[in-house]
Full PDB file with SEQRES, HELIX, SHEET, SSBOND, CRYST1, ORIGX, SCALE, CONECT and MASTER records, all heavy atoms in Angstrom:
SEQRES   1 A   33  HIS VAL VAL GLN ARG ASP GLU ILE ARG TYR ALA LEU TRP          
SEQRES   2 A   33  PRO ASP ALA TRP THR ARG PRO VAL TYR CYS GLN ASN ASP          
SEQRES   3 A   33  PHE GLN ASP ILE ARG THR LEU                                  
HELIX    1 AA1 ARG A    5  LEU A   12  1                                   8    
HELIX    2 AA2 ALA A   16  VAL A   21  5                                   6    
HELIX    3 AA3 GLN A   24  PHE A   27  5                                   4    
HELIX    4 AA4 ILE A   30  THR A   32  5                                   3    
CRYST1    1.000    1.000    1.000  90.00  90.00  90.00 P 1           1          
ORIGX1      1.000000  0.000000  0.000000        0.00000                         
ORIGX2      0.000000  1.000000  0.000000        0.00000                         
ORIGX3      0.000000  0.000000  1.000000        0.00000                         
SCALE1      1.000000  0.000000  0.000000        0.00000                         
SCALE2      0.000000  1.000000  0.000000        0.00000                         
SCALE3      0.000000  0.000000  1.000000        0.00000                         
ATOM      1  N   HIS A   1     249.284 107.852 111.526  1.00  0.00           N  
ATOM      2  CA  HIS A   1     250.117 108.940 111.311  1.00  0.00           C  
ATOM      3  C   HIS A   1     251.289 108.481 110.432  1.00  0.00           C  
ATOM      4  O   HIS A   1     252.069 107.646 110.856  1.00  0.00           O  
ATOM      5  CB  HIS A   1     250.596 109.564 112.643  1.00  0.00           C  
ATOM      6  CG  HIS A   1     249.494 110.111 113.424  1.00  0.00           C  
ATOM      7  ND1 HIS A   1     249.262 111.549 113.611  1.00  0.00           N  
ATOM      8  CD2 HIS A   1     248.451 109.509 114.077  1.00  0.00           C  
ATOM      9  CE1 HIS A   1     248.188 111.682 114.349  1.00  0.00           C  
ATOM     10  NE2 HIS A   1     247.682 110.518 114.621  1.00  0.00           N  
ATOM     11  N   VAL A   2     251.462 109.174 109.195  1.00  0.00           N  
ATOM     12  CA  VAL A   2     252.381 108.688 108.250  1.00  0.00           C  
ATOM     13  C   VAL A   2     253.505 109.740 108.068  1.00  0.00           C  
ATOM     14  O   VAL A   2     253.282 110.906 107.886  1.00  0.00           O  
ATOM     15  CB  VAL A   2     251.671 108.567 106.825  1.00  0.00           C  
ATOM     16  CG1 VAL A   2     252.606 108.017 105.809  1.00  0.00           C  
ATOM     17  CG2 VAL A   2     250.376 107.724 107.014  1.00  0.00           C  
ATOM     18  N   VAL A   3     254.778 109.233 108.316  1.00  0.00           N  
ATOM     19  CA  VAL A   3     255.891 110.098 108.399  1.00  0.00           C  
ATOM     20  C   VAL A   3     257.126 109.278 107.890  1.00  0.00           C  
ATOM     21  O   VAL A   3     257.187 108.086 108.033  1.00  0.00           O  
ATOM     22  CB  VAL A   3     256.109 110.603 109.801  1.00  0.00           C  
ATOM     23  CG1 VAL A   3     256.410 109.463 110.811  1.00  0.00           C  
ATOM     24  CG2 VAL A   3     257.182 111.707 109.908  1.00  0.00           C  
ATOM     25  N   GLN A   4     258.040 110.013 107.338  1.00  0.00           N  
ATOM     26  CA  GLN A   4     259.327 109.368 106.938  1.00  0.00           C  
ATOM     27  C   GLN A   4     260.128 108.944 108.118  1.00  0.00           C  
ATOM     28  O   GLN A   4     260.167 109.740 109.168  1.00  0.00           O  
ATOM     29  CB  GLN A   4     260.171 110.316 106.023  1.00  0.00           C  
ATOM     30  CG  GLN A   4     259.553 110.532 104.607  1.00  0.00           C  
ATOM     31  CD  GLN A   4     259.752 109.323 103.692  1.00  0.00           C  
ATOM     32  OE1 GLN A   4     260.770 108.576 103.846  1.00  0.00           O  
ATOM     33  NE2 GLN A   4     258.789 109.135 102.751  1.00  0.00           N  
ATOM     34  N   ARG A   5     260.747 107.814 108.056  1.00  0.00           N  
ATOM     35  CA  ARG A   5     261.547 107.309 109.193  1.00  0.00           C  
ATOM     36  C   ARG A   5     262.695 108.284 109.607  1.00  0.00           C  
ATOM     37  O   ARG A   5     262.874 108.550 110.784  1.00  0.00           O  
ATOM     38  CB  ARG A   5     262.132 105.948 108.876  1.00  0.00           C  
ATOM     39  CG  ARG A   5     263.140 105.398 109.884  1.00  0.00           C  
ATOM     40  CD  ARG A   5     263.527 104.011 109.524  1.00  0.00           C  
ATOM     41  NE  ARG A   5     262.449 103.124 109.926  1.00  0.00           N  
ATOM     42  CZ  ARG A   5     262.689 101.917 110.529  1.00  0.00           C  
ATOM     43  NH1 ARG A   5     263.843 101.446 110.724  1.00  0.00           N  
ATOM     44  NH2 ARG A   5     261.637 101.204 110.855  1.00  0.00           N  
ATOM     45  N   ASP A   6     263.380 108.831 108.565  1.00  0.00           N  
ATOM     46  CA  ASP A   6     264.450 109.783 108.888  1.00  0.00           C  
ATOM     47  C   ASP A   6     263.867 111.037 109.705  1.00  0.00           C  
ATOM     48  O   ASP A   6     264.599 111.556 110.616  1.00  0.00           O  
ATOM     49  CB  ASP A   6     265.103 110.334 107.584  1.00  0.00           C  
ATOM     50  CG  ASP A   6     265.868 109.254 106.902  1.00  0.00           C  
ATOM     51  OD1 ASP A   6     266.214 108.178 107.547  1.00  0.00           O  
ATOM     52  OD2 ASP A   6     266.333 109.450 105.754  1.00  0.00           O  
ATOM     53  N   GLU A   7     262.623 111.379 109.414  1.00  0.00           N  
ATOM     54  CA  GLU A   7     262.149 112.607 110.028  1.00  0.00           C  
ATOM     55  C   GLU A   7     261.743 112.372 111.452  1.00  0.00           C  
ATOM     56  O   GLU A   7     262.028 113.224 112.357  1.00  0.00           O  
ATOM     57  CB  GLU A   7     260.956 113.107 109.237  1.00  0.00           C  
ATOM     58  CG  GLU A   7     260.318 114.360 109.783  1.00  0.00           C  
ATOM     59  CD  GLU A   7     261.316 115.614 109.563  1.00  0.00           C  
ATOM     60  OE1 GLU A   7     262.358 115.405 108.973  1.00  0.00           O  
ATOM     61  OE2 GLU A   7     260.972 116.614 110.139  1.00  0.00           O  
ATOM     62  N   ILE A   8     261.055 111.305 111.744  1.00  0.00           N  
ATOM     63  CA  ILE A   8     260.573 111.090 113.111  1.00  0.00           C  
ATOM     64  C   ILE A   8     261.769 110.902 114.101  1.00  0.00           C  
ATOM     65  O   ILE A   8     261.760 111.358 115.203  1.00  0.00           O  
ATOM     66  CB  ILE A   8     259.561 109.906 113.205  1.00  0.00           C  
ATOM     67  CG1 ILE A   8     258.814 109.910 114.492  1.00  0.00           C  
ATOM     68  CG2 ILE A   8     260.254 108.548 112.979  1.00  0.00           C  
ATOM     69  CD1 ILE A   8     257.624 108.874 114.562  1.00  0.00           C  
ATOM     70  N   ARG A   9     262.793 110.242 113.592  1.00  0.00           N  
ATOM     71  CA  ARG A   9     264.009 110.018 114.414  1.00  0.00           C  
ATOM     72  C   ARG A   9     264.708 111.366 114.689  1.00  0.00           C  
ATOM     73  O   ARG A   9     265.130 111.654 115.812  1.00  0.00           O  
ATOM     74  CB  ARG A   9     264.878 108.986 113.823  1.00  0.00           C  
ATOM     75  CG  ARG A   9     264.429 107.574 114.124  1.00  0.00           C  
ATOM     76  CD  ARG A   9     264.862 106.558 113.115  1.00  0.00           C  
ATOM     77  NE  ARG A   9     264.580 105.202 113.627  1.00  0.00           N  
ATOM     78  CZ  ARG A   9     263.356 104.713 113.642  1.00  0.00           C  
ATOM     79  NH1 ARG A   9     262.300 105.448 113.257  1.00  0.00           N  
ATOM     80  NH2 ARG A   9     263.170 103.457 114.018  1.00  0.00           N  
ATOM     81  N   TYR A  10     264.878 112.132 113.687  1.00  0.00           N  
ATOM     82  CA  TYR A  10     265.575 113.378 113.795  1.00  0.00           C  
ATOM     83  C   TYR A  10     264.781 114.426 114.653  1.00  0.00           C  
ATOM     84  O   TYR A  10     265.364 115.071 115.405  1.00  0.00           O  
ATOM     85  CB  TYR A  10     265.813 114.008 112.360  1.00  0.00           C  
ATOM     86  CG  TYR A  10     266.637 115.299 112.377  1.00  0.00           C  
ATOM     87  CD1 TYR A  10     267.995 115.284 112.511  1.00  0.00           C  
ATOM     88  CD2 TYR A  10     266.037 116.526 112.336  1.00  0.00           C  
ATOM     89  CE1 TYR A  10     268.738 116.457 112.534  1.00  0.00           C  
ATOM     90  CE2 TYR A  10     266.810 117.724 112.369  1.00  0.00           C  
ATOM     91  CZ  TYR A  10     268.131 117.632 112.463  1.00  0.00           C  
ATOM     92  OH  TYR A  10     268.869 118.829 112.492  1.00  0.00           O  
ATOM     93  N   ALA A  11     263.404 114.374 114.467  1.00  0.00           N  
ATOM     94  CA  ALA A  11     262.580 115.374 115.172  1.00  0.00           C  
ATOM     95  C   ALA A  11     262.747 115.169 116.744  1.00  0.00           C  
ATOM     96  O   ALA A  11     262.619 116.174 117.529  1.00  0.00           O  
ATOM     97  CB  ALA A  11     261.152 115.242 114.763  1.00  0.00           C  
ATOM     98  N   LEU A  12     262.922 113.893 117.117  1.00  0.00           N  
ATOM     99  CA  LEU A  12     262.888 113.641 118.603  1.00  0.00           C  
ATOM    100  C   LEU A  12     264.286 113.965 119.170  1.00  0.00           C  
ATOM    101  O   LEU A  12     264.414 114.064 120.414  1.00  0.00           O  
ATOM    102  CB  LEU A  12     262.543 112.258 118.886  1.00  0.00           C  
ATOM    103  CG  LEU A  12     261.109 111.868 118.501  1.00  0.00           C  
ATOM    104  CD1 LEU A  12     260.827 110.421 118.617  1.00  0.00           C  
ATOM    105  CD2 LEU A  12     260.123 112.704 119.424  1.00  0.00           C  
ATOM    106  N   TRP A  13     265.381 114.182 118.368  1.00  0.00           N  
ATOM    107  CA  TRP A  13     266.659 114.575 118.787  1.00  0.00           C  
ATOM    108  C   TRP A  13     267.318 115.373 117.798  1.00  0.00           C  
ATOM    109  O   TRP A  13     268.303 114.944 117.154  1.00  0.00           O  
ATOM    110  CB  TRP A  13     267.524 113.423 119.313  1.00  0.00           C  
ATOM    111  CG  TRP A  13     268.647 113.816 120.141  1.00  0.00           C  
ATOM    112  CD1 TRP A  13     269.927 114.004 119.711  1.00  0.00           C  
ATOM    113  CD2 TRP A  13     268.603 114.193 121.504  1.00  0.00           C  
ATOM    114  NE1 TRP A  13     270.708 114.523 120.758  1.00  0.00           N  
ATOM    115  CE2 TRP A  13     269.916 114.504 121.929  1.00  0.00           C  
ATOM    116  CE3 TRP A  13     267.595 114.138 122.528  1.00  0.00           C  
ATOM    117  CZ2 TRP A  13     270.256 114.892 123.247  1.00  0.00           C  
ATOM    118  CZ3 TRP A  13     267.937 114.448 123.811  1.00  0.00           C  
ATOM    119  CH2 TRP A  13     269.217 114.864 124.191  1.00  0.00           C  
ATOM    120  N   PRO A  14     266.830 116.567 117.506  1.00  0.00           N  
ATOM    121  CA  PRO A  14     267.375 117.359 116.377  1.00  0.00           C  
ATOM    122  C   PRO A  14     268.750 118.009 116.763  1.00  0.00           C  
ATOM    123  O   PRO A  14     269.133 118.086 117.937  1.00  0.00           O  
ATOM    124  CB  PRO A  14     266.339 118.486 116.165  1.00  0.00           C  
ATOM    125  CG  PRO A  14     265.727 118.621 117.524  1.00  0.00           C  
ATOM    126  CD  PRO A  14     265.665 117.269 118.137  1.00  0.00           C  
ATOM    127  N   ASP A  15     269.518 118.477 115.703  1.00  0.00           N  
ATOM    128  CA  ASP A  15     270.706 119.214 116.005  1.00  0.00           C  
ATOM    129  C   ASP A  15     270.319 120.480 116.725  1.00  0.00           C  
ATOM    130  O   ASP A  15     269.264 120.987 116.670  1.00  0.00           O  
ATOM    131  CB  ASP A  15     271.379 119.589 114.673  1.00  0.00           C  
ATOM    132  CG  ASP A  15     271.874 118.364 113.935  1.00  0.00           C  
ATOM    133  OD1 ASP A  15     272.550 117.567 114.554  1.00  0.00           O  
ATOM    134  OD2 ASP A  15     271.645 118.286 112.623  1.00  0.00           O  
ATOM    135  N   ALA A  16     271.323 121.061 117.467  1.00  0.00           N  
ATOM    136  CA  ALA A  16     271.051 122.221 118.282  1.00  0.00           C  
ATOM    137  C   ALA A  16     270.502 123.355 117.506  1.00  0.00           C  
ATOM    138  O   ALA A  16     269.673 124.070 117.943  1.00  0.00           O  
ATOM    139  CB  ALA A  16     272.354 122.533 119.060  1.00  0.00           C  
ATOM    140  N   TRP A  17     271.015 123.554 116.291  1.00  0.00           N  
ATOM    141  CA  TRP A  17     270.627 124.739 115.567  1.00  0.00           C  
ATOM    142  C   TRP A  17     269.207 124.600 114.932  1.00  0.00           C  
ATOM    143  O   TRP A  17     268.593 125.627 114.598  1.00  0.00           O  
ATOM    144  CB  TRP A  17     271.675 125.080 114.488  1.00  0.00           C  
ATOM    145  CG  TRP A  17     271.790 124.177 113.376  1.00  0.00           C  
ATOM    146  CD1 TRP A  17     272.440 122.962 113.309  1.00  0.00           C  
ATOM    147  CD2 TRP A  17     271.165 124.256 112.084  1.00  0.00           C  
ATOM    148  NE1 TRP A  17     272.295 122.349 112.195  1.00  0.00           N  
ATOM    149  CE2 TRP A  17     271.522 123.157 111.309  1.00  0.00           C  
ATOM    150  CE3 TRP A  17     270.375 125.260 111.420  1.00  0.00           C  
ATOM    151  CZ2 TRP A  17     271.124 122.924 109.956  1.00  0.00           C  
ATOM    152  CZ3 TRP A  17     269.929 125.014 110.140  1.00  0.00           C  
ATOM    153  CH2 TRP A  17     270.401 123.921 109.431  1.00  0.00           C  
ATOM    154  N   THR A  18     268.718 123.394 114.787  1.00  0.00           N  
ATOM    155  CA  THR A  18     267.349 123.228 114.277  1.00  0.00           C  
ATOM    156  C   THR A  18     266.389 122.943 115.320  1.00  0.00           C  
ATOM    157  O   THR A  18     265.159 122.841 115.130  1.00  0.00           O  
ATOM    158  CB  THR A  18     267.272 122.040 113.253  1.00  0.00           C  
ATOM    159  OG1 THR A  18     267.711 120.797 113.917  1.00  0.00           O  
ATOM    160  CG2 THR A  18     268.168 122.301 112.039  1.00  0.00           C  
ATOM    161  N   ARG A  19     266.815 122.834 116.570  1.00  0.00           N  
ATOM    162  CA  ARG A  19     265.956 122.491 117.725  1.00  0.00           C  
ATOM    163  C   ARG A  19     264.750 123.409 117.871  1.00  0.00           C  
ATOM    164  O   ARG A  19     263.655 122.954 118.263  1.00  0.00           O  
ATOM    165  CB  ARG A  19     266.784 122.388 119.038  1.00  0.00           C  
ATOM    166  CG  ARG A  19     266.124 121.738 120.180  1.00  0.00           C  
ATOM    167  CD  ARG A  19     267.110 121.439 121.226  1.00  0.00           C  
ATOM    168  NE  ARG A  19     268.165 120.566 120.844  1.00  0.00           N  
ATOM    169  CZ  ARG A  19     269.352 120.494 121.376  1.00  0.00           C  
ATOM    170  NH1 ARG A  19     269.695 121.329 122.413  1.00  0.00           N  
ATOM    171  NH2 ARG A  19     270.270 119.615 120.972  1.00  0.00           N  
ATOM    172  N   PRO A  20     264.939 124.754 117.682  1.00  0.00           N  
ATOM    173  CA  PRO A  20     263.772 125.611 117.965  1.00  0.00           C  
ATOM    174  C   PRO A  20     262.543 125.278 117.023  1.00  0.00           C  
ATOM    175  O   PRO A  20     261.412 125.629 117.413  1.00  0.00           O  
ATOM    176  CB  PRO A  20     264.312 127.049 117.648  1.00  0.00           C  
ATOM    177  CG  PRO A  20     265.745 126.906 117.870  1.00  0.00           C  
ATOM    178  CD  PRO A  20     266.136 125.532 117.439  1.00  0.00           C  
ATOM    179  N   VAL A  21     262.695 124.727 115.836  1.00  0.00           N  
ATOM    180  CA  VAL A  21     261.625 124.501 114.933  1.00  0.00           C  
ATOM    181  C   VAL A  21     260.998 123.114 115.060  1.00  0.00           C  
ATOM    182  O   VAL A  21     259.970 122.836 114.493  1.00  0.00           O  
ATOM    183  CB  VAL A  21     261.992 124.765 113.388  1.00  0.00           C  
ATOM    184  CG1 VAL A  21     262.287 126.231 113.275  1.00  0.00           C  
ATOM    185  CG2 VAL A  21     263.210 123.901 113.040  1.00  0.00           C  
ATOM    186  N   TYR A  22     261.560 122.267 115.936  1.00  0.00           N  
ATOM    187  CA  TYR A  22     260.935 121.049 116.392  1.00  0.00           C  
ATOM    188  C   TYR A  22     260.440 121.230 117.862  1.00  0.00           C  
ATOM    189  O   TYR A  22     261.187 121.150 118.736  1.00  0.00           O  
ATOM    190  CB  TYR A  22     261.924 119.912 116.293  1.00  0.00           C  
ATOM    191  CG  TYR A  22     262.201 119.415 114.904  1.00  0.00           C  
ATOM    192  CD1 TYR A  22     263.422 119.834 114.301  1.00  0.00           C  
ATOM    193  CD2 TYR A  22     261.328 118.683 114.179  1.00  0.00           C  
ATOM    194  CE1 TYR A  22     263.723 119.407 113.004  1.00  0.00           C  
ATOM    195  CE2 TYR A  22     261.615 118.199 112.876  1.00  0.00           C  
ATOM    196  CZ  TYR A  22     262.859 118.617 112.311  1.00  0.00           C  
ATOM    197  OH  TYR A  22     263.150 118.146 111.098  1.00  0.00           O  
ATOM    198  N   CYS A  23     259.130 121.467 117.952  1.00  0.00           N  
ATOM    199  CA  CYS A  23     258.525 121.719 119.259  1.00  0.00           C  
ATOM    200  C   CYS A  23     258.262 120.299 119.901  1.00  0.00           C  
ATOM    201  O   CYS A  23     257.275 119.665 119.467  1.00  0.00           O  
ATOM    202  CB  CYS A  23     257.245 122.475 119.155  1.00  0.00           C  
ATOM    203  SG  CYS A  23     256.424 122.717 120.726  1.00  0.00           S  
ATOM    204  N   GLN A  24     259.021 119.954 120.964  1.00  0.00           N  
ATOM    205  CA  GLN A  24     258.800 118.698 121.578  1.00  0.00           C  
ATOM    206  C   GLN A  24     257.470 118.509 122.281  1.00  0.00           C  
ATOM    207  O   GLN A  24     256.931 117.396 122.442  1.00  0.00           O  
ATOM    208  CB  GLN A  24     259.934 118.394 122.660  1.00  0.00           C  
ATOM    209  CG  GLN A  24     261.338 118.390 121.941  1.00  0.00           C  
ATOM    210  CD  GLN A  24     261.492 117.351 120.904  1.00  0.00           C  
ATOM    211  OE1 GLN A  24     261.099 116.169 121.080  1.00  0.00           O  
ATOM    212  NE2 GLN A  24     261.951 117.850 119.739  1.00  0.00           N  
ATOM    213  N   ASN A  25     256.843 119.627 122.636  1.00  0.00           N  
ATOM    214  CA  ASN A  25     255.426 119.590 123.115  1.00  0.00           C  
ATOM    215  C   ASN A  25     254.471 119.042 122.104  1.00  0.00           C  
ATOM    216  O   ASN A  25     253.446 118.409 122.547  1.00  0.00           O  
ATOM    217  CB  ASN A  25     255.043 120.896 123.631  1.00  0.00           C  
ATOM    218  CG  ASN A  25     255.716 121.386 124.882  1.00  0.00           C  
ATOM    219  OD1 ASN A  25     255.960 120.595 125.811  1.00  0.00           O  
ATOM    220  ND2 ASN A  25     256.100 122.614 124.962  1.00  0.00           N  
ATOM    221  N   ASP A  26     254.692 119.199 120.879  1.00  0.00           N  
ATOM    222  CA  ASP A  26     253.903 118.671 119.822  1.00  0.00           C  
ATOM    223  C   ASP A  26     253.854 117.094 119.823  1.00  0.00           C  
ATOM    224  O   ASP A  26     252.942 116.549 119.369  1.00  0.00           O  
ATOM    225  CB  ASP A  26     254.277 119.138 118.445  1.00  0.00           C  
ATOM    226  CG  ASP A  26     253.989 120.580 118.149  1.00  0.00           C  
ATOM    227  OD1 ASP A  26     253.123 121.201 118.862  1.00  0.00           O  
ATOM    228  OD2 ASP A  26     254.598 121.217 117.272  1.00  0.00           O  
ATOM    229  N   PHE A  27     255.000 116.630 120.350  1.00  0.00           N  
ATOM    230  CA  PHE A  27     255.122 115.157 120.243  1.00  0.00           C  
ATOM    231  C   PHE A  27     254.814 114.374 121.536  1.00  0.00           C  
ATOM    232  O   PHE A  27     255.179 113.281 121.782  1.00  0.00           O  
ATOM    233  CB  PHE A  27     256.607 114.862 119.879  1.00  0.00           C  
ATOM    234  CG  PHE A  27     257.201 115.616 118.723  1.00  0.00           C  
ATOM    235  CD1 PHE A  27     258.452 116.049 118.754  1.00  0.00           C  
ATOM    236  CD2 PHE A  27     256.358 115.837 117.606  1.00  0.00           C  
ATOM    237  CE1 PHE A  27     258.943 116.847 117.694  1.00  0.00           C  
ATOM    238  CE2 PHE A  27     256.797 116.564 116.565  1.00  0.00           C  
ATOM    239  CZ  PHE A  27     258.185 117.041 116.557  1.00  0.00           C  
ATOM    240  N   GLN A  28     254.050 115.041 122.438  1.00  0.00           N  
ATOM    241  CA  GLN A  28     253.838 114.504 123.743  1.00  0.00           C  
ATOM    242  C   GLN A  28     253.046 113.182 123.673  1.00  0.00           C  
ATOM    243  O   GLN A  28     253.206 112.253 124.641  1.00  0.00           O  
ATOM    244  CB  GLN A  28     252.990 115.512 124.631  1.00  0.00           C  
ATOM    245  CG  GLN A  28     251.628 115.919 124.023  1.00  0.00           C  
ATOM    246  CD  GLN A  28     250.969 117.025 124.743  1.00  0.00           C  
ATOM    247  OE1 GLN A  28     250.902 116.992 126.017  1.00  0.00           O  
ATOM    248  NE2 GLN A  28     250.536 118.042 124.098  1.00  0.00           N  
ATOM    249  N   ASP A  29     252.219 112.933 122.607  1.00  0.00           N  
ATOM    250  CA  ASP A  29     251.478 111.754 122.475  1.00  0.00           C  
ATOM    251  C   ASP A  29     252.040 110.784 121.396  1.00  0.00           C  
ATOM    252  O   ASP A  29     251.496 109.760 121.126  1.00  0.00           O  
ATOM    253  CB  ASP A  29     250.060 112.018 122.154  1.00  0.00           C  
ATOM    254  CG  ASP A  29     249.404 112.773 123.309  1.00  0.00           C  
ATOM    255  OD1 ASP A  29     249.564 112.473 124.469  1.00  0.00           O  
ATOM    256  OD2 ASP A  29     248.667 113.777 122.934  1.00  0.00           O  
ATOM    257  N   ILE A  30     253.216 111.066 120.821  1.00  0.00           N  
ATOM    258  CA  ILE A  30     253.673 110.404 119.663  1.00  0.00           C  
ATOM    259  C   ILE A  30     253.886 108.881 119.837  1.00  0.00           C  
ATOM    260  O   ILE A  30     253.685 108.099 119.000  1.00  0.00           O  
ATOM    261  CB  ILE A  30     254.979 111.075 119.150  1.00  0.00           C  
ATOM    262  CG1 ILE A  30     255.143 110.693 117.635  1.00  0.00           C  
ATOM    263  CG2 ILE A  30     256.159 110.683 119.961  1.00  0.00           C  
ATOM    264  CD1 ILE A  30     256.248 111.530 116.976  1.00  0.00           C  
ATOM    265  N   ARG A  31     254.221 108.501 121.063  1.00  0.00           N  
ATOM    266  CA  ARG A  31     254.493 107.111 121.278  1.00  0.00           C  
ATOM    267  C   ARG A  31     253.250 106.253 121.600  1.00  0.00           C  
ATOM    268  O   ARG A  31     253.253 105.038 121.681  1.00  0.00           O  
ATOM    269  CB  ARG A  31     255.535 106.937 122.505  1.00  0.00           C  
ATOM    270  CG  ARG A  31     256.885 107.272 122.032  1.00  0.00           C  
ATOM    271  CD  ARG A  31     257.868 107.102 123.163  1.00  0.00           C  
ATOM    272  NE  ARG A  31     259.308 107.393 122.573  1.00  0.00           N  
ATOM    273  CZ  ARG A  31     259.826 108.603 122.466  1.00  0.00           C  
ATOM    274  NH1 ARG A  31     259.133 109.672 122.797  1.00  0.00           N  
ATOM    275  NH2 ARG A  31     261.015 108.695 122.030  1.00  0.00           N  
ATOM    276  N   THR A  32     252.114 106.899 121.638  1.00  0.00           N  
ATOM    277  CA  THR A  32     250.831 106.244 121.848  1.00  0.00           C  
ATOM    278  C   THR A  32     250.049 106.236 120.491  1.00  0.00           C  
ATOM    279  O   THR A  32     248.960 105.543 120.452  1.00  0.00           O  
ATOM    280  CB  THR A  32     249.926 106.956 122.864  1.00  0.00           C  
ATOM    281  OG1 THR A  32     249.504 108.241 122.344  1.00  0.00           O  
ATOM    282  CG2 THR A  32     250.701 107.135 124.199  1.00  0.00           C  
ATOM    283  N   LEU A  33     250.578 106.838 119.441  1.00  0.00           N  
ATOM    284  CA  LEU A  33     249.826 106.888 118.197  1.00  0.00           C  
ATOM    285  C   LEU A  33     250.216 105.742 117.244  1.00  0.00           C  
ATOM    286  O   LEU A  33     251.363 105.036 117.425  1.00  0.00           O  
ATOM    287  CB  LEU A  33     250.190 108.238 117.411  1.00  0.00           C  
ATOM    288  CG  LEU A  33     249.758 109.529 118.129  1.00  0.00           C  
ATOM    289  CD1 LEU A  33     250.272 110.669 117.465  1.00  0.00           C  
ATOM    290  CD2 LEU A  33     248.274 109.561 118.363  1.00  0.00           C  
TER     291      LEU A  33                                                      
MASTER        0    0    0    4    0    0    0    6  290    1    0    3          
END                                                                             
């Protein structure tokens, strides 16, 4: 799975106003990939 470093870090702890568009349920397996 290929992603920019800035993106994966931000996605796991986004700013409050962008939080709705990062669904943490999508990332349930991210640490095993």
